[in-house]
Amino acid sequence: MEMSDFFQKLAAEELLPLYTATNLDYVEAAKDVLVKNGLHFIEVTYRSDVAGEAIHKFSQYSDLIVGAGTVKNLATAKDAVKNGAQFIVSPGFDDEVVQYCLDNHIPIVPGAVTPTEIMQAKSFGLDVVKFFPANVYGGLKAIKSLSGPFPEMKFVPTGGVNKDNYKEFIENPNIAAVGGSFIISEKTVMKDNGVTATKELAELVK
């Protein structure tokens, strides 16, 4: 998927669900929770031993755009893509990961929270970065300040974004989308095979 198409679709949905998989039996239920609520992105984090397998299973569904999160090195990025990841998200900025994604036309959202990191992202031609952890690095106030010298840069804040404040983030024109496990979590899906998770997400997106 081309970068421009990816970010246009993501901005339209405004929410980037972060999902840490530990039990592959609930992949389909998680997919159903998202799609029933009009969401088609999922970022599967490399925070468990089955992350690659989960990405592979999610990638079998044509109505999902599946990506990999917590990608901290080139080997993980390659593993994610091998398993079907269509985009990559990193907590920080790694030159090798970014260049690999650019060379292979894979949308990449690297972490950047300082002016120096943002300028580094710009030097690679990127105009969307992850802002993580948002609550530690100043949240929406910091993003508004950074948007002064970098008005063309869009941010995807995660960490400290939750059900109570996500709308405030989304309303800011410099926010491309917000991410977080508050959108969907394996624990909630496992509770009753997605029934509760579907209801909670419906409240979130209405």
N, C-alpha and C. Protein backbone atom coordinates (compact mmCIF):
# COMPACT_ATOMS: atom_id res chain seq x y z
N MET A 1 0.85 -1.20 0.00
CA MET A 1 0.00 0.00 0.00
C MET A 1 0.89 1.25 0.00
N GLU A 2 0.56 2.21 -0.85
CA GLU A 2 1.33 3.45 -0.91
C GLU A 2 1.14 4.25 0.37
N MET A 3 2.17 4.99 0.76
CA MET A 3 2.13 5.79 1.97
C MET A 3 0.91 6.70 2.01
N SER A 4 0.67 7.42 0.91
CA SER A 4 -0.41 8.40 0.89
C SER A 4 -1.77 7.74 1.09
N ASP A 5 -1.99 6.59 0.45
CA ASP A 5 -3.25 5.87 0.61
C ASP A 5 -3.42 5.38 2.04
N PHE A 6 -2.34 4.85 2.60
CA PHE A 6 -2.38 4.34 3.97
C PHE A 6 -2.78 5.43 4.95
N PHE A 7 -2.10 6.56 4.89
CA PHE A 7 -2.37 7.62 5.86
C PHE A 7 -3.72 8.29 5.63
N GLN A 8 -4.16 8.32 4.39
CA GLN A 8 -5.48 8.87 4.10
C GLN A 8 -6.57 8.00 4.73
N LYS A 9 -6.43 6.70 4.59
CA LYS A 9 -7.40 5.77 5.18
C LYS A 9 -7.34 5.80 6.70
N LEU A 10 -6.13 5.86 7.25
CA LEU A 10 -5.98 5.89 8.69
C LEU A 10 -6.59 7.17 9.27
N ALA A 11 -6.36 8.30 8.62
CA ALA A 11 -6.93 9.57 9.09
C ALA A 11 -8.44 9.55 9.04
N ALA A 12 -9.01 8.83 8.09
CA ALA A 12 -10.46 8.74 7.98
C ALA A 12 -11.06 7.96 9.14
N GLU A 13 -10.34 6.94 9.61
CA GLU A 13 -10.85 6.13 10.72
C GLU A 13 -10.46 6.70 12.08
N GLU A 14 -9.36 7.42 12.14
CA GLU A 14 -8.91 8.17 13.32
C GLU A 14 -8.40 7.31 14.47
N LEU A 15 -8.64 6.03 14.45
CA LEU A 15 -8.24 5.14 15.54
C LEU A 15 -7.32 4.04 15.02
N LEU A 16 -6.20 3.83 15.73
CA LEU A 16 -5.27 2.76 15.39
C LEU A 16 -5.20 1.80 16.57
N PRO A 17 -5.95 0.70 16.52
CA PRO A 17 -5.97 -0.25 17.64
C PRO A 17 -4.64 -0.95 17.82
N LEU A 18 -4.15 -0.97 19.05
CA LEU A 18 -2.94 -1.72 19.41
C LEU A 18 -3.37 -3.01 20.07
N TYR A 19 -2.83 -4.11 19.60
CA TYR A 19 -3.28 -5.42 20.08
C TYR A 19 -2.08 -6.30 20.37
N THR A 20 -1.98 -6.77 21.60
CA THR A 20 -0.94 -7.71 21.99
C THR A 20 -1.56 -9.09 22.10
N ALA A 21 -1.14 -9.98 21.21
CA ALA A 21 -1.74 -11.32 21.14
C ALA A 21 -0.93 -12.31 21.97
N THR A 22 -1.64 -13.07 22.78
CA THR A 22 -1.00 -14.18 23.51
C THR A 22 -1.72 -15.49 23.22
N ASN A 23 -2.95 -15.40 22.71
CA ASN A 23 -3.75 -16.58 22.41
C ASN A 23 -4.33 -16.44 21.00
N LEU A 24 -3.83 -17.24 20.09
CA LEU A 24 -4.23 -17.12 18.69
C LEU A 24 -5.67 -17.56 18.43
N ASP A 25 -6.28 -18.22 19.39
CA ASP A 25 -7.66 -18.67 19.21
C ASP A 25 -8.64 -17.51 19.12
N TYR A 26 -8.22 -16.32 19.53
CA TYR A 26 -9.14 -15.18 19.57
C TYR A 26 -8.90 -14.16 18.47
N VAL A 27 -8.06 -14.51 17.51
CA VAL A 27 -7.76 -13.60 16.41
C VAL A 27 -9.02 -13.26 15.61
N GLU A 28 -9.79 -14.26 15.24
CA GLU A 28 -10.99 -14.00 14.44
C GLU A 28 -12.00 -13.16 15.21
N ALA A 29 -12.17 -13.44 16.49
CA ALA A 29 -13.10 -12.66 17.30
C ALA A 29 -12.66 -11.20 17.37
N ALA A 30 -11.35 -10.97 17.51
CA ALA A 30 -10.83 -9.60 17.55
C ALA A 30 -11.09 -8.89 16.23
N LYS A 31 -10.87 -9.61 15.14
CA LYS A 31 -11.14 -9.04 13.81
C LYS A 31 -12.60 -8.63 13.69
N ASP A 32 -13.50 -9.50 14.14
CA ASP A 32 -14.93 -9.23 14.05
C ASP A 32 -15.31 -8.00 14.86
N VAL A 33 -14.71 -7.84 16.04
CA VAL A 33 -14.99 -6.67 16.89
C VAL A 33 -14.68 -5.38 16.13
N LEU A 34 -13.54 -5.35 15.47
CA LEU A 34 -13.12 -4.15 14.75
C LEU A 34 -14.01 -3.88 13.54
N VAL A 35 -14.18 -4.88 12.70
CA VAL A 35 -14.90 -4.70 11.44
C VAL A 35 -16.37 -4.34 11.68
N LYS A 36 -16.97 -4.96 12.70
CA LYS A 36 -18.36 -4.64 13.02
C LYS A 36 -18.54 -3.18 13.40
N ASN A 37 -17.47 -2.56 13.87
CA ASN A 37 -17.52 -1.16 14.28
C ASN A 37 -16.87 -0.22 13.26
N GLY A 38 -16.66 -0.73 12.06
CA GLY A 38 -16.16 0.12 10.98
C GLY A 38 -14.68 0.44 11.04
N LEU A 39 -13.90 -0.34 11.80
CA LEU A 39 -12.46 -0.13 11.86
C LEU A 39 -11.74 -1.24 11.11
N HIS A 40 -10.70 -0.86 10.37
CA HIS A 40 -10.05 -1.84 9.50
C HIS A 40 -8.54 -1.89 9.67
N PHE A 41 -8.02 -1.23 10.72
CA PHE A 41 -6.60 -1.26 11.02
C PHE A 41 -6.37 -2.01 12.32
N ILE A 42 -5.27 -2.72 12.40
CA ILE A 42 -4.84 -3.29 13.67
C ILE A 42 -3.31 -3.33 13.69
N GLU A 43 -2.76 -2.87 14.78
CA GLU A 43 -1.31 -2.89 14.99
C GLU A 43 -1.00 -3.97 16.02
N VAL A 44 -0.43 -5.06 15.56
CA VAL A 44 -0.09 -6.17 16.45
C VAL A 44 1.31 -5.93 17.01
N THR A 45 1.41 -5.80 18.33
CA THR A 45 2.68 -5.44 18.93
C THR A 45 3.60 -6.64 19.12
N TYR A 46 4.89 -6.40 18.93
CA TYR A 46 5.89 -7.44 19.21
C TYR A 46 6.22 -7.43 20.70
N ARG A 47 5.21 -7.78 21.47
CA ARG A 47 5.37 -7.86 22.93
C ARG A 47 5.00 -9.25 23.43
N SER A 48 4.94 -10.20 22.54
CA SER A 48 4.68 -11.59 22.92
C SER A 48 5.39 -12.52 21.94
N ASP A 49 5.48 -13.77 22.31
CA ASP A 49 6.19 -14.74 21.48
C ASP A 49 5.40 -15.13 20.22
N VAL A 50 4.13 -14.81 20.19
CA VAL A 50 3.31 -15.22 19.05
C VAL A 50 2.95 -14.05 18.14
N ALA A 51 3.65 -12.93 18.28
CA ALA A 51 3.33 -11.74 17.49
C ALA A 51 3.35 -12.03 15.99
N GLY A 52 4.42 -12.70 15.52
CA GLY A 52 4.52 -13.00 14.10
C GLY A 52 3.40 -13.88 13.61
N GLU A 53 3.06 -14.90 14.39
CA GLU A 53 1.96 -15.79 14.04
C GLU A 53 0.63 -15.05 14.02
N ALA A 54 0.44 -14.17 14.98
CA ALA A 54 -0.80 -13.40 15.04
C ALA A 54 -0.93 -12.50 13.81
N ILE A 55 0.16 -11.85 13.42
CA ILE A 55 0.14 -11.01 12.22
C ILE A 55 -0.24 -11.86 11.01
N HIS A 56 0.35 -13.05 10.93
CA HIS A 56 0.04 -13.93 9.80
C HIS A 56 -1.45 -14.28 9.76
N LYS A 57 -2.02 -14.60 10.91
CA LYS A 57 -3.44 -14.96 10.96
C LYS A 57 -4.33 -13.76 10.63
N PHE A 58 -4.01 -12.60 11.19
CA PHE A 58 -4.80 -11.40 10.89
C PHE A 58 -4.71 -11.03 9.42
N SER A 59 -3.55 -11.28 8.81
CA SER A 59 -3.34 -10.88 7.41
C SER A 59 -4.17 -11.71 6.44
N GLN A 60 -4.76 -12.79 6.91
CA GLN A 60 -5.60 -13.61 6.04
C GLN A 60 -6.96 -12.98 5.78
N TYR A 61 -7.31 -11.98 6.57
CA TYR A 61 -8.62 -11.33 6.42
C TYR A 61 -8.49 -10.11 5.51
N SER A 62 -9.19 -10.15 4.40
CA SER A 62 -9.06 -9.09 3.41
C SER A 62 -9.65 -7.75 3.87
N ASP A 63 -10.48 -7.79 4.92
CA ASP A 63 -11.07 -6.54 5.40
C ASP A 63 -10.27 -5.89 6.52
N LEU A 64 -9.05 -6.36 6.75
CA LEU A 64 -8.17 -5.75 7.73
C LEU A 64 -6.87 -5.27 7.09
N ILE A 65 -6.35 -4.17 7.58
CA ILE A 65 -5.02 -3.69 7.22
C ILE A 65 -4.16 -3.93 8.45
N VAL A 66 -3.29 -4.91 8.36
CA VAL A 66 -2.57 -5.40 9.53
C VAL A 66 -1.14 -4.87 9.55
N GLY A 67 -0.74 -4.36 10.70
CA GLY A 67 0.62 -3.85 10.84
C GLY A 67 1.29 -4.42 12.07
N ALA A 68 2.56 -4.10 12.22
CA ALA A 68 3.34 -4.55 13.36
C ALA A 68 3.78 -3.36 14.18
N GLY A 69 3.65 -3.48 15.50
CA GLY A 69 4.08 -2.42 16.40
C GLY A 69 5.22 -2.90 17.29
N THR A 70 5.81 -1.96 18.03
CA THR A 70 6.96 -2.24 18.88
C THR A 70 8.09 -2.89 18.07
N VAL A 71 8.28 -2.37 16.86
CA VAL A 71 9.35 -2.87 15.98
C VAL A 71 10.59 -2.04 16.28
N LYS A 72 11.60 -2.67 16.89
CA LYS A 72 12.76 -1.95 17.37
C LYS A 72 14.03 -2.21 16.58
N ASN A 73 13.96 -3.13 15.62
CA ASN A 73 15.17 -3.42 14.83
C ASN A 73 14.78 -3.99 13.47
N LEU A 74 15.76 -4.09 12.60
CA LEU A 74 15.53 -4.54 11.23
C LEU A 74 15.04 -5.98 11.16
N ALA A 75 15.59 -6.84 12.01
CA ALA A 75 15.19 -8.25 11.99
C ALA A 75 13.70 -8.40 12.30
N THR A 76 13.21 -7.63 13.25
CA THR A 76 11.79 -7.69 13.60
C THR A 76 10.94 -7.15 12.46
N ALA A 77 11.39 -6.08 11.83
CA ALA A 77 10.65 -5.52 10.70
C ALA A 77 10.53 -6.55 9.58
N LYS A 78 11.62 -7.23 9.28
CA LYS A 78 11.60 -8.25 8.22
C LYS A 78 10.70 -9.42 8.59
N ASP A 79 10.72 -9.82 9.86
CA ASP A 79 9.86 -10.91 10.32
C ASP A 79 8.39 -10.52 10.18
N ALA A 80 8.08 -9.29 10.52
CA ALA A 80 6.71 -8.80 10.44
C ALA A 80 6.22 -8.81 8.99
N VAL A 81 7.04 -8.29 8.09
CA VAL A 81 6.65 -8.24 6.68
C VAL A 81 6.52 -9.64 6.11
N LYS A 82 7.42 -10.53 6.50
CA LYS A 82 7.34 -11.93 6.05
C LYS A 82 6.02 -12.57 6.46
N ASN A 83 5.51 -12.15 7.61
CA ASN A 83 4.25 -12.70 8.11
C ASN A 83 3.01 -11.95 7.62
N GLY A 84 3.21 -10.94 6.77
CA GLY A 84 2.07 -10.27 6.17
C GLY A 84 1.78 -8.86 6.65
N ALA A 85 2.66 -8.30 7.47
CA ALA A 85 2.43 -6.92 7.94
C ALA A 85 2.45 -5.95 6.77
N GLN A 86 1.46 -5.06 6.77
CA GLN A 86 1.35 -4.08 5.69
C GLN A 86 1.85 -2.70 6.10
N PHE A 87 2.15 -2.52 7.38
CA PHE A 87 2.77 -1.28 7.85
C PHE A 87 3.56 -1.59 9.11
N ILE A 88 4.47 -0.68 9.45
CA ILE A 88 5.36 -0.86 10.59
C ILE A 88 5.27 0.37 11.50
N VAL A 89 5.24 0.12 12.80
CA VAL A 89 5.24 1.20 13.78
C VAL A 89 6.36 0.94 14.77
N SER A 90 7.18 1.95 15.02
CA SER A 90 8.30 1.82 15.95
C SER A 90 8.14 2.77 17.12
N PRO A 91 8.59 2.36 18.32
CA PRO A 91 8.50 3.27 19.46
C PRO A 91 9.49 4.43 19.37
N GLY A 92 10.58 4.22 18.64
CA GLY A 92 11.58 5.26 18.43
C GLY A 92 12.00 5.30 16.97
N PHE A 93 13.11 5.97 16.70
CA PHE A 93 13.56 6.13 15.31
C PHE A 93 14.79 5.27 15.06
N ASP A 94 14.69 4.32 14.16
CA ASP A 94 15.80 3.47 13.76
C ASP A 94 16.02 3.64 12.26
N ASP A 95 17.19 4.13 11.90
CA ASP A 95 17.48 4.42 10.48
C ASP A 95 17.30 3.20 9.59
N GLU A 96 17.78 2.05 10.05
CA GLU A 96 17.71 0.83 9.23
C GLU A 96 16.26 0.42 8.98
N VAL A 97 15.45 0.46 10.01
CA VAL A 97 14.04 0.08 9.87
C VAL A 97 13.32 1.02 8.90
N VAL A 98 13.55 2.31 9.08
CA VAL A 98 12.91 3.31 8.22
C VAL A 98 13.33 3.12 6.77
N GLN A 99 14.63 2.97 6.53
CA GLN A 99 15.11 2.83 5.16
C GLN A 99 14.59 1.56 4.51
N TYR A 100 14.56 0.47 5.29
CA TYR A 100 14.02 -0.80 4.78
C TYR A 100 12.57 -0.62 4.33
N CYS A 101 11.78 0.06 5.16
CA CYS A 101 10.37 0.26 4.81
C CYS A 101 10.22 1.14 3.58
N LEU A 102 11.01 2.19 3.50
CA LEU A 102 10.94 3.07 2.34
C LEU A 102 11.36 2.34 1.07
N ASP A 103 12.41 1.55 1.17
CA ASP A 103 12.90 0.81 0.00
C ASP A 103 11.88 -0.20 -0.51
N ASN A 104 11.05 -0.70 0.41
CA ASN A 104 10.07 -1.74 0.06
C ASN A 104 8.64 -1.22 0.01
N HIS A 105 8.50 0.11 0.02
CA HIS A 105 7.19 0.76 -0.10
C HIS A 105 6.21 0.29 0.97
N ILE A 106 6.73 0.20 2.20
CA ILE A 106 5.91 -0.19 3.34
C ILE A 106 5.71 1.04 4.22
N PRO A 107 4.47 1.46 4.48
CA PRO A 107 4.24 2.60 5.35
C PRO A 107 4.91 2.39 6.71
N ILE A 108 5.60 3.42 7.19
CA ILE A 108 6.33 3.35 8.44
C ILE A 108 5.95 4.55 9.31
N VAL A 109 5.68 4.28 10.58
CA VAL A 109 5.37 5.35 11.54
C VAL A 109 6.39 5.23 12.68
N PRO A 110 7.51 5.92 12.56
CA PRO A 110 8.54 5.83 13.61
C PRO A 110 8.25 6.79 14.75
N GLY A 111 8.76 6.45 15.93
CA GLY A 111 8.59 7.34 17.06
C GLY A 111 9.48 8.56 16.95
N ALA A 112 8.91 9.73 17.28
CA ALA A 112 9.68 10.98 17.27
C ALA A 112 8.96 11.98 18.19
N VAL A 113 9.64 12.38 19.26
CA VAL A 113 8.98 13.27 20.23
C VAL A 113 9.75 14.56 20.47
N THR A 114 10.95 14.68 19.89
CA THR A 114 11.75 15.90 20.06
C THR A 114 11.94 16.58 18.71
N PRO A 115 12.27 17.88 18.71
CA PRO A 115 12.55 18.55 17.43
C PRO A 115 13.62 17.84 16.61
N THR A 116 14.67 17.35 17.29
CA THR A 116 15.74 16.65 16.57
C THR A 116 15.24 15.40 15.89
N GLU A 117 14.42 14.60 16.60
CA GLU A 117 13.87 13.37 16.02
C GLU A 117 12.91 13.68 14.88
N ILE A 118 12.13 14.73 15.04
CA ILE A 118 11.20 15.12 13.97
C ILE A 118 11.97 15.55 12.73
N MET A 119 13.05 16.31 12.92
CA MET A 119 13.87 16.71 11.79
C MET A 119 14.52 15.50 11.13
N GLN A 120 14.87 14.50 11.93
CA GLN A 120 15.43 13.26 11.38
C GLN A 120 14.38 12.57 10.50
N ALA A 121 13.15 12.51 10.99
CA ALA A 121 12.06 11.91 10.21
C ALA A 121 11.86 12.67 8.90
N LYS A 122 11.90 14.00 8.98
CA LYS A 122 11.73 14.82 7.78
C LYS A 122 12.85 14.57 6.78
N SER A 123 14.06 14.31 7.28
CA SER A 123 15.19 14.08 6.37
C SER A 123 15.01 12.81 5.56
N PHE A 124 14.14 11.89 6.05
CA PHE A 124 13.81 10.67 5.32
C PHE A 124 12.55 10.85 4.47
N GLY A 125 12.00 12.06 4.47
CA GLY A 125 10.82 12.34 3.67
C GLY A 125 9.52 11.97 4.34
N LEU A 126 9.55 11.72 5.65
CA LEU A 126 8.33 11.33 6.37
C LEU A 126 7.59 12.54 6.91
N ASP A 127 6.28 12.46 6.94
CA ASP A 127 5.50 13.55 7.51
C ASP A 127 4.46 13.08 8.52
N VAL A 128 4.59 11.82 8.97
CA VAL A 128 3.76 11.28 10.05
C VAL A 128 4.66 10.51 11.00
N VAL A 129 4.57 10.81 12.30
CA VAL A 129 5.39 10.11 13.29
C VAL A 129 4.54 9.70 14.49
N LYS A 130 5.01 8.69 15.19
CA LYS A 130 4.39 8.24 16.42
C LYS A 130 4.88 9.13 17.56
N PHE A 131 3.98 9.52 18.45
CA PHE A 131 4.35 10.35 19.61
C PHE A 131 4.11 9.52 20.85
N PHE A 132 5.21 8.92 21.37
CA PHE A 132 5.08 7.92 22.44
C PHE A 132 6.23 8.03 23.42
N PRO A 133 5.92 7.87 24.72
CA PRO A 133 4.58 7.86 25.34
C PRO A 133 4.05 9.29 25.50
N ALA A 134 2.90 9.52 24.97
CA ALA A 134 2.36 10.87 24.89
C ALA A 134 2.21 11.52 26.26
N ASN A 135 1.78 10.75 27.24
CA ASN A 135 1.56 11.33 28.56
C ASN A 135 2.87 11.74 29.24
N VAL A 136 3.96 11.10 28.89
CA VAL A 136 5.26 11.42 29.48
C VAL A 136 5.89 12.63 28.80
N TYR A 137 5.71 12.74 27.48
CA TYR A 137 6.36 13.80 26.72
C TYR A 137 5.48 15.02 26.47
N GLY A 138 4.48 15.22 27.30
CA GLY A 138 3.74 16.47 27.25
C GLY A 138 2.39 16.43 26.57
N GLY A 139 2.02 15.28 26.04
CA GLY A 139 0.68 15.10 25.49
C GLY A 139 0.31 16.11 24.41
N LEU A 140 -0.93 16.50 24.42
CA LEU A 140 -1.46 17.39 23.39
C LEU A 140 -0.80 18.76 23.44
N LYS A 141 -0.46 19.21 24.63
CA LYS A 141 0.21 20.51 24.77
C LYS A 141 1.54 20.52 24.04
N ALA A 142 2.30 19.43 24.17
CA ALA A 142 3.59 19.34 23.49
C ALA A 142 3.41 19.26 21.98
N ILE A 143 2.42 18.49 21.53
CA ILE A 143 2.16 18.35 20.10
C ILE A 143 1.78 19.71 19.50
N LYS A 144 0.98 20.49 20.21
CA LYS A 144 0.61 21.83 19.73
C LYS A 144 1.84 22.70 19.60
N SER A 145 2.75 22.61 20.56
CA SER A 145 3.97 23.41 20.51
C SER A 145 4.87 22.99 19.35
N LEU A 146 5.01 21.69 19.15
CA LEU A 146 5.85 21.17 18.07
C LEU A 146 5.27 21.51 16.70
N SER A 147 3.95 21.66 16.64
CA SER A 147 3.30 21.97 15.37
C SER A 147 3.60 23.39 14.91
N GLY A 148 4.15 24.22 15.80
CA GLY A 148 4.54 25.57 15.41
C GLY A 148 5.68 25.54 14.40
N PRO A 149 6.82 24.98 14.77
CA PRO A 149 7.92 24.90 13.80
C PRO A 149 7.76 23.80 12.76
N PHE A 150 6.86 22.85 13.03
CA PHE A 150 6.66 21.72 12.10
C PHE A 150 5.18 21.59 11.73
N PRO A 151 4.61 22.59 11.07
CA PRO A 151 3.18 22.55 10.76
C PRO A 151 2.77 21.44 9.80
N GLU A 152 3.72 20.93 9.02
CA GLU A 152 3.42 19.89 8.04
C GLU A 152 3.45 18.49 8.66
N MET A 153 3.96 18.38 9.89
CA MET A 153 4.10 17.07 10.52
C MET A 153 2.80 16.65 11.22
N LYS A 154 2.41 15.39 11.00
CA LYS A 154 1.24 14.83 11.67
C LYS A 154 1.73 13.82 12.71
N PHE A 155 0.96 13.69 13.78
CA PHE A 155 1.35 12.83 14.89
C PHE A 155 0.32 11.75 15.16
N VAL A 156 0.83 10.59 15.60
CA VAL A 156 -0.03 9.50 16.06
C VAL A 156 0.34 9.25 17.53
N PRO A 157 -0.34 9.93 18.45
CA PRO A 157 -0.01 9.76 19.86
C PRO A 157 -0.55 8.46 20.44
N THR A 158 0.27 7.82 21.26
CA THR A 158 -0.14 6.65 22.02
C THR A 158 0.54 6.74 23.39
N GLY A 159 -0.01 6.01 24.35
CA GLY A 159 0.54 6.07 25.69
C GLY A 159 -0.08 7.22 26.45
N GLY A 160 -1.06 6.90 27.28
CA GLY A 160 -1.77 7.96 27.99
C GLY A 160 -3.00 8.46 27.26
N VAL A 161 -3.18 8.02 26.02
CA VAL A 161 -4.42 8.31 25.29
C VAL A 161 -5.44 7.25 25.71
N ASN A 162 -6.63 7.69 26.09
CA ASN A 162 -7.61 6.74 26.61
C ASN A 162 -9.03 7.14 26.24
N LYS A 163 -9.99 6.41 26.77
CA LYS A 163 -11.40 6.65 26.43
C LYS A 163 -11.86 8.03 26.87
N ASP A 164 -11.22 8.60 27.86
CA ASP A 164 -11.66 9.89 28.39
C ASP A 164 -11.09 11.08 27.62
N ASN A 165 -9.95 10.91 26.97
CA ASN A 165 -9.32 12.09 26.34
C ASN A 165 -9.06 11.96 24.84
N TYR A 166 -9.37 10.79 24.25
CA TYR A 166 -8.98 10.58 22.85
C TYR A 166 -9.64 11.56 21.89
N LYS A 167 -10.86 11.99 22.21
CA LYS A 167 -11.56 12.91 21.30
C LYS A 167 -10.87 14.27 21.26
N GLU A 168 -10.32 14.67 22.39
CA GLU A 168 -9.60 15.94 22.44
C GLU A 168 -8.37 15.88 21.53
N PHE A 169 -7.70 14.74 21.51
CA PHE A 169 -6.55 14.57 20.62
C PHE A 169 -7.00 14.61 19.16
N ILE A 170 -8.01 13.83 18.84
CA ILE A 170 -8.47 13.71 17.46
C ILE A 170 -8.89 15.05 16.86
N GLU A 171 -9.45 15.90 17.69
CA GLU A 171 -9.94 17.19 17.21
C GLU A 171 -8.82 18.13 16.77
N ASN A 172 -7.58 17.83 17.18
CA ASN A 172 -6.46 18.67 16.79
C ASN A 172 -6.06 18.36 15.35
N PRO A 173 -5.91 19.37 14.50
CA PRO A 173 -5.61 19.13 13.08
C PRO A 173 -4.25 18.49 12.82
N ASN A 174 -3.35 18.52 13.80
CA ASN A 174 -2.04 17.92 13.60
C ASN A 174 -1.97 16.47 14.06
N ILE A 175 -3.11 15.92 14.47
CA ILE A 175 -3.17 14.51 14.85
C ILE A 175 -3.70 13.71 13.66
N ALA A 176 -2.90 12.75 13.19
CA ALA A 176 -3.34 11.90 12.08
C ALA A 176 -4.34 10.86 12.58
N ALA A 177 -4.06 10.32 13.76
CA ALA A 177 -4.92 9.31 14.39
C ALA A 177 -4.38 9.11 15.80
N VAL A 178 -5.15 8.43 16.63
CA VAL A 178 -4.65 8.08 17.96
C VAL A 178 -4.59 6.57 18.08
N GLY A 179 -3.61 6.09 18.83
CA GLY A 179 -3.47 4.65 18.99
C GLY A 179 -3.54 4.25 20.44
N GLY A 180 -3.87 2.98 20.66
CA GLY A 180 -3.87 2.49 22.02
C GLY A 180 -4.61 1.19 22.19
N SER A 181 -4.33 0.52 23.30
CA SER A 181 -5.03 -0.72 23.61
C SER A 181 -6.39 -0.45 24.22
N PHE A 182 -6.70 0.82 24.47
CA PHE A 182 -8.04 1.16 24.98
C PHE A 182 -9.10 0.90 23.91
N ILE A 183 -8.69 0.80 22.66
CA ILE A 183 -9.64 0.57 21.57
C ILE A 183 -10.09 -0.88 21.56
N ILE A 184 -9.14 -1.77 21.72
CA ILE A 184 -9.44 -3.21 21.81
C ILE A 184 -8.28 -3.88 22.55
N SER A 185 -8.60 -4.90 23.34
CA SER A 185 -7.56 -5.66 24.02
C SER A 185 -7.93 -7.13 23.99
N GLU A 186 -6.93 -7.97 23.96
CA GLU A 186 -7.20 -9.40 23.94
C GLU A 186 -7.96 -9.83 25.19
N LYS A 187 -7.64 -9.22 26.32
CA LYS A 187 -8.31 -9.58 27.58
C LYS A 187 -9.82 -9.38 27.47
N THR A 188 -10.24 -8.26 26.90
CA THR A 188 -11.67 -8.00 26.76
C THR A 188 -12.31 -8.93 25.74
N VAL A 189 -11.59 -9.21 24.67
CA VAL A 189 -12.12 -10.13 23.64
C VAL A 189 -12.30 -11.52 24.23
N MET A 190 -11.36 -11.96 25.04
CA MET A 190 -11.41 -13.29 25.63
C MET A 190 -12.53 -13.43 26.66
N LYS A 191 -12.98 -12.32 27.21
CA LYS A 191 -13.98 -12.36 28.26
C LYS A 191 -15.23 -13.11 27.84
N ASP A 192 -15.73 -12.81 26.66
CA ASP A 192 -16.94 -13.49 26.16
C ASP A 192 -16.92 -13.59 24.64
N ASN A 193 -15.71 -13.86 24.12
CA ASN A 193 -15.50 -14.03 22.68
C ASN A 193 -15.87 -12.79 21.87
N GLY A 194 -15.68 -11.63 22.48
CA GLY A 194 -15.83 -10.38 21.74
C GLY A 194 -17.14 -9.65 21.92
N VAL A 195 -18.10 -10.21 22.64
CA VAL A 195 -19.40 -9.56 22.80
C VAL A 195 -19.26 -8.23 23.54
N THR A 196 -18.61 -8.26 24.69
CA THR A 196 -18.40 -7.04 25.46
C THR A 196 -17.51 -6.06 24.73
N ALA A 197 -16.45 -6.56 24.12
CA ALA A 197 -15.52 -5.69 23.38
C ALA A 197 -16.23 -4.97 22.24
N THR A 198 -17.15 -5.66 21.57
CA THR A 198 -17.92 -5.05 20.48
C THR A 198 -18.79 -3.91 21.00
N LYS A 199 -19.44 -4.13 22.13
CA LYS A 199 -20.32 -3.11 22.72
C LYS A 199 -19.50 -1.90 23.18
N GLU A 200 -18.37 -2.16 23.82
CA GLU A 200 -17.53 -1.06 24.30
C GLU A 200 -16.98 -0.24 23.14
N LEU A 201 -16.58 -0.91 22.08
CA LEU A 201 -16.03 -0.19 20.93
C LEU A 201 -17.12 0.61 20.23
N ALA A 202 -18.33 0.07 20.21
CA ALA A 202 -19.45 0.80 19.59
C ALA A 202 -19.67 2.13 20.29
N GLU A 203 -19.50 2.15 21.61
CA GLU A 203 -19.64 3.39 22.39
C GLU A 203 -18.51 4.35 22.04
N LEU A 204 -17.35 3.80 21.75
CA LEU A 204 -16.18 4.63 21.47
C LEU A 204 -16.27 5.32 20.12
N VAL A 205 -16.81 4.64 19.13
CA VAL A 205 -16.81 5.17 17.77
C VAL A 205 -18.07 5.93 17.40
N LYS A 206 -19.08 5.89 18.26
CA LYS A 206 -20.35 6.54 17.87
C LYS A 206 -20.23 8.06 17.85
